[in-house]
Amino acid sequence: MSDEPVFPEWLAEAAIGLASGDVDVWMEMYTDDAVHEFPFAAPGATRRLEGKDAIRAYMEAMGGSVQFGSLDDVHIREFGDEVIIEAEGHHFDAVTGDPFDLRYLWIITRRDGLVTRLQDYMGPRRPVAEER
């Protein structure tokens, strides 16, 4: 038996879609009335998105500043309809191409197989000093 955490298939597909720039694939995991929250957002930044349309608009706008990449150092805990995921994201600035890392903690609640609430706790962007 492997000790490597396995992303739930629905989230792995969504993350791969987002990394390839396909926001539609990412959006497939949400209910129409889903809520995506950023509890650690800086003052004045977006803290809560209500509904699939608002989440889509936000994610599409993010494509102008972030090229999403891979995730590693993943830790997953599933409790029925709730999933807690810790991960390290390796991304690129969409304007400059500079790499940066983000530490994530996601608390995801689902209903009937779709995300109803995603609490997105992320740390600050950390520049990558050397090539990955």
C-alpha atoms as a PDB file:
ATOM      1  CA  MET A   1       0.000   0.000   0.000  1.00  0.00           C
ATOM      2  CA  SER A   2       1.311   3.433  -0.955  1.00  0.00           C
ATOM      3  CA  ASP A   3       1.777   6.214   1.587  1.00  0.00           C
ATOM      4  CA  GLU A   4       1.342   8.812  -1.173  1.00  0.00           C
ATOM      5  CA  PRO A   5      -1.877  10.794  -0.814  1.00  0.00           C
ATOM      6  CA  VAL A   6      -4.254  10.469  -3.726  1.00  0.00           C
ATOM      7  CA  PHE A   7      -6.245  13.494  -4.774  1.00  0.00           C
ATOM      8  CA  PRO A   8      -9.918  12.698  -5.115  1.00  0.00           C
ATOM      9  CA  GLU A   9     -10.517  12.162  -8.837  1.00  0.00           C
ATOM     10  CA  TRP A  10     -12.983  15.055  -9.109  1.00  0.00           C
ATOM     11  CA  LEU A  11     -10.432  17.496  -7.661  1.00  0.00           C
ATOM     12  CA  ALA A  12      -7.484  16.108  -9.639  1.00  0.00           C
ATOM     13  CA  GLU A  13      -9.414  16.638 -12.887  1.00  0.00           C
ATOM     14  CA  ALA A  14     -10.375  20.172 -11.840  1.00  0.00           C
ATOM     15  CA  ALA A  15      -6.762  21.065 -10.912  1.00  0.00           C
ATOM     16  CA  ILE A  16      -5.397  19.656 -14.170  1.00  0.00           C
ATOM     17  CA  GLY A  17      -7.963  21.687 -16.087  1.00  0.00           C
ATOM     18  CA  LEU A  18      -7.056  24.855 -14.235  1.00  0.00           C
ATOM     19  CA  ALA A  19      -3.315  24.293 -14.813  1.00  0.00           C
ATOM     20  CA  SER A  20      -4.032  23.921 -18.540  1.00  0.00           C
ATOM     21  CA  GLY A  21      -5.989  27.193 -18.505  1.00  0.00           C
ATOM     22  CA  ASP A  22      -9.425  25.558 -18.838  1.00  0.00           C
ATOM     23  CA  VAL A  23     -11.597  27.275 -16.233  1.00  0.00           C
ATOM     24  CA  ASP A  24     -14.640  25.312 -17.450  1.00  0.00           C
ATOM     25  CA  VAL A  25     -13.101  22.066 -16.168  1.00  0.00           C
ATOM     26  CA  TRP A  26     -12.439  23.695 -12.781  1.00  0.00           C
ATOM     27  CA  MET A  27     -16.019  24.963 -12.613  1.00  0.00           C
ATOM     28  CA  GLU A  28     -17.532  21.514 -13.173  1.00  0.00           C
ATOM     29  CA  MET A  29     -16.913  20.643  -9.518  1.00  0.00           C
ATOM     30  CA  TYR A  30     -19.195  23.413  -8.125  1.00  0.00           C
ATOM     31  CA  THR A  31     -22.934  23.555  -7.473  1.00  0.00           C
ATOM     32  CA  ASP A  32     -24.742  26.565  -8.953  1.00  0.00           C
ATOM     33  CA  ASP A  33     -25.100  28.089  -5.467  1.00  0.00           C
ATOM     34  CA  ALA A  34     -21.557  27.304  -4.291  1.00  0.00           C
ATOM     35  CA  VAL A  35     -19.556  29.657  -2.096  1.00  0.00           C
ATOM     36  CA  HIS A  36     -15.767  30.094  -2.447  1.00  0.00           C
ATOM     37  CA  GLU A  37     -14.190  31.970   0.452  1.00  0.00           C
ATOM     38  CA  PHE A  38     -10.732  33.444   1.092  1.00  0.00           C
ATOM     39  CA  PRO A  39     -10.650  33.861   4.903  1.00  0.00           C
ATOM     40  CA  PHE A  40      -7.030  35.091   4.922  1.00  0.00           C
ATOM     41  CA  ALA A  41      -7.508  37.664   2.152  1.00  0.00           C
ATOM     42  CA  ALA A  42      -5.822  41.011   2.639  1.00  0.00           C
ATOM     43  CA  PRO A  43      -8.006  44.003   3.492  1.00  0.00           C
ATOM     44  CA  GLY A  44      -9.799  45.159   0.362  1.00  0.00           C
ATOM     45  CA  ALA A  45      -9.254  41.878  -1.487  1.00  0.00           C
ATOM     46  CA  THR A  46     -12.019  39.464  -2.426  1.00  0.00           C
ATOM     47  CA  ARG A  47     -13.116  37.466   0.619  1.00  0.00           C
ATOM     48  CA  ARG A  48     -16.254  35.677  -0.588  1.00  0.00           C
ATOM     49  CA  LEU A  49     -17.668  34.631  -3.930  1.00  0.00           C
ATOM     50  CA  GLU A  50     -21.303  33.559  -4.010  1.00  0.00           C
ATOM     51  CA  GLY A  51     -22.594  31.449  -6.875  1.00  0.00           C
ATOM     52  CA  LYS A  52     -20.971  29.662  -9.761  1.00  0.00           C
ATOM     53  CA  ASP A  53     -21.046  32.746 -12.018  1.00  0.00           C
ATOM     54  CA  ALA A  54     -19.099  34.848  -9.488  1.00  0.00           C
ATOM     55  CA  ILE A  55     -16.569  32.057  -8.956  1.00  0.00           C
ATOM     56  CA  ARG A  56     -16.118  31.648 -12.727  1.00  0.00           C
ATOM     57  CA  ALA A  57     -15.577  35.387 -13.258  1.00  0.00           C
ATOM     58  CA  TYR A  58     -12.972  35.462 -10.495  1.00  0.00           C
ATOM     59  CA  MET A  59     -11.108  32.411 -11.817  1.00  0.00           C
ATOM     60  CA  GLU A  60     -11.128  33.759 -15.371  1.00  0.00           C
ATOM     61  CA  ALA A  61      -9.690  37.070 -14.135  1.00  0.00           C
ATOM     62  CA  MET A  62      -6.982  35.165 -12.216  1.00  0.00           C
ATOM     63  CA  GLY A  63      -5.720  33.831 -15.551  1.00  0.00           C
ATOM     64  CA  GLY A  64      -4.385  37.329 -16.253  1.00  0.00           C
ATOM     65  CA  SER A  65      -2.112  37.225 -13.221  1.00  0.00           C
ATOM     66  CA  VAL A  66      -1.463  33.549 -12.420  1.00  0.00           C
ATOM     67  CA  GLN A  67      -0.517  30.581 -14.539  1.00  0.00           C
ATOM     68  CA  PHE A  68      -1.459  27.694 -12.272  1.00  0.00           C
ATOM     69  CA  GLY A  69       1.014  24.849 -12.035  1.00  0.00           C
ATOM     70  CA  SER A  70       1.578  21.711 -10.041  1.00  0.00           C
ATOM     71  CA  LEU A  71       0.787  20.781  -6.457  1.00  0.00           C
ATOM     72  CA  ASP A  72       2.923  18.679  -4.150  1.00  0.00           C
ATOM     73  CA  ASP A  73       3.471  18.009  -0.436  1.00  0.00           C
ATOM     74  CA  VAL A  74      -0.197  17.052  -0.415  1.00  0.00           C
ATOM     75  CA  HIS A  75      -2.019  15.893   2.721  1.00  0.00           C
ATOM     76  CA  ILE A  76      -5.664  14.829   2.467  1.00  0.00           C
ATOM     77  CA  ARG A  77      -8.270  14.057   5.100  1.00  0.00           C
ATOM     78  CA  GLU A  78     -11.786  13.036   4.097  1.00  0.00           C
ATOM     79  CA  PHE A  79     -14.731  13.058   6.484  1.00  0.00           C
ATOM     80  CA  GLY A  80     -17.902  12.110   4.625  1.00  0.00           C
ATOM     81  CA  ASP A  81     -18.894  15.162   2.559  1.00  0.00           C
ATOM     82  CA  GLU A  82     -15.970  17.231   3.848  1.00  0.00           C
ATOM     83  CA  VAL A  83     -12.411  17.115   2.513  1.00  0.00           C
ATOM     84  CA  ILE A  84      -9.424  18.929   4.028  1.00  0.00           C
ATOM     85  CA  ILE A  85      -6.406  19.331   1.783  1.00  0.00           C
ATOM     86  CA  GLU A  86      -3.014  20.855   2.481  1.00  0.00           C
ATOM     87  CA  ALA A  87      -0.721  21.372  -0.512  1.00  0.00           C
ATOM     88  CA  GLU A  88       2.163  23.394  -1.913  1.00  0.00           C
ATOM     89  CA  GLY A  89       1.362  25.087  -5.227  1.00  0.00           C
ATOM     90  CA  HIS A  90       4.039  25.877  -7.802  1.00  0.00           C
ATOM     91  CA  HIS A  91       2.794  28.595 -10.130  1.00  0.00           C
ATOM     92  CA  PHE A  92       4.006  31.358 -12.433  1.00  0.00           C
ATOM     93  CA  ASP A  93       3.231  35.039 -12.698  1.00  0.00           C
ATOM     94  CA  ALA A  94       1.225  35.295 -15.936  1.00  0.00           C
ATOM     95  CA  VAL A  95       2.790  38.665 -16.793  1.00  0.00           C
ATOM     96  CA  THR A  96       6.474  38.179 -15.945  1.00  0.00           C
ATOM     97  CA  GLY A  97       6.717  34.375 -16.025  1.00  0.00           C
ATOM     98  CA  ASP A  98       8.442  34.424 -12.642  1.00  0.00           C
ATOM     99  CA  PRO A  99       7.819  31.283 -10.587  1.00  0.00           C
ATOM    100  CA  PHE A 100       6.298  31.489  -7.131  1.00  0.00           C
ATOM    101  CA  ASP A 101       4.971  29.093  -4.525  1.00  0.00           C
ATOM    102  CA  LEU A 102       1.837  29.205  -2.375  1.00  0.00           C
ATOM    103  CA  ARG A 103       0.886  27.052   0.582  1.00  0.00           C
ATOM    104  CA  TYR A 104      -2.790  26.055   0.581  1.00  0.00           C
ATOM    105  CA  LEU A 105      -5.258  24.691   3.066  1.00  0.00           C
ATOM    106  CA  TRP A 106      -8.656  23.932   1.542  1.00  0.00           C
ATOM    107  CA  ILE A 107     -11.709  22.942   3.514  1.00  0.00           C
ATOM    108  CA  ILE A 108     -14.211  21.669   0.981  1.00  0.00           C
ATOM    109  CA  THR A 109     -17.828  20.731   1.627  1.00  0.00           C
ATOM    110  CA  ARG A 110     -19.753  18.745  -0.989  1.00  0.00           C
ATOM    111  CA  ARG A 111     -23.338  17.752  -1.670  1.00  0.00           C
ATOM    112  CA  ASP A 112     -24.339  15.115  -4.199  1.00  0.00           C
ATOM    113  CA  GLY A 113     -20.747  14.967  -5.429  1.00  0.00           C
ATOM    114  CA  LEU A 114     -20.356  18.718  -6.066  1.00  0.00           C
ATOM    115  CA  VAL A 115     -18.627  21.464  -4.086  1.00  0.00           C
ATOM    116  CA  THR A 116     -21.009  23.668  -2.122  1.00  0.00           C
ATOM    117  CA  ARG A 117     -18.346  25.537  -0.151  1.00  0.00           C
ATOM    118  CA  LEU A 118     -14.604  25.906  -0.550  1.00  0.00           C
ATOM    119  CA  GLN A 119     -12.713  27.741   2.157  1.00  0.00           C
ATOM    120  CA  ASP A 120      -9.418  28.667   0.503  1.00  0.00           C
ATOM    121  CA  TYR A 121      -6.764  29.486   3.098  1.00  0.00           C
ATOM    122  CA  MET A 122      -3.603  30.410   1.244  1.00  0.00           C
ATOM    123  CA  GLY A 123      -0.350  31.864   2.365  1.00  0.00           C
ATOM    124  CA  PRO A 124       1.426  34.728   0.617  1.00  0.00           C
ATOM    125  CA  ARG A 125       3.231  34.328  -2.687  1.00  0.00           C
ATOM    126  CA  ARG A 126       6.793  33.196  -2.094  1.00  0.00           C
ATOM    127  CA  PRO A 127       9.297  33.796  -4.877  1.00  0.00           C
ATOM    128  CA  VAL A 128      11.329  30.815  -6.045  1.00  0.00           C
ATOM    129  CA  ALA A 129      15.027  31.646  -5.760  1.00  0.00           C
ATOM    130  CA  GLU A 130      16.280  28.905  -8.072  1.00  0.00           C
ATOM    131  CA  GLU A 131      15.023  26.810 -10.949  1.00  0.00           C
ATOM    132  CA  ARG A 132      12.678  24.015 -10.029  1.00  0.00           C
END
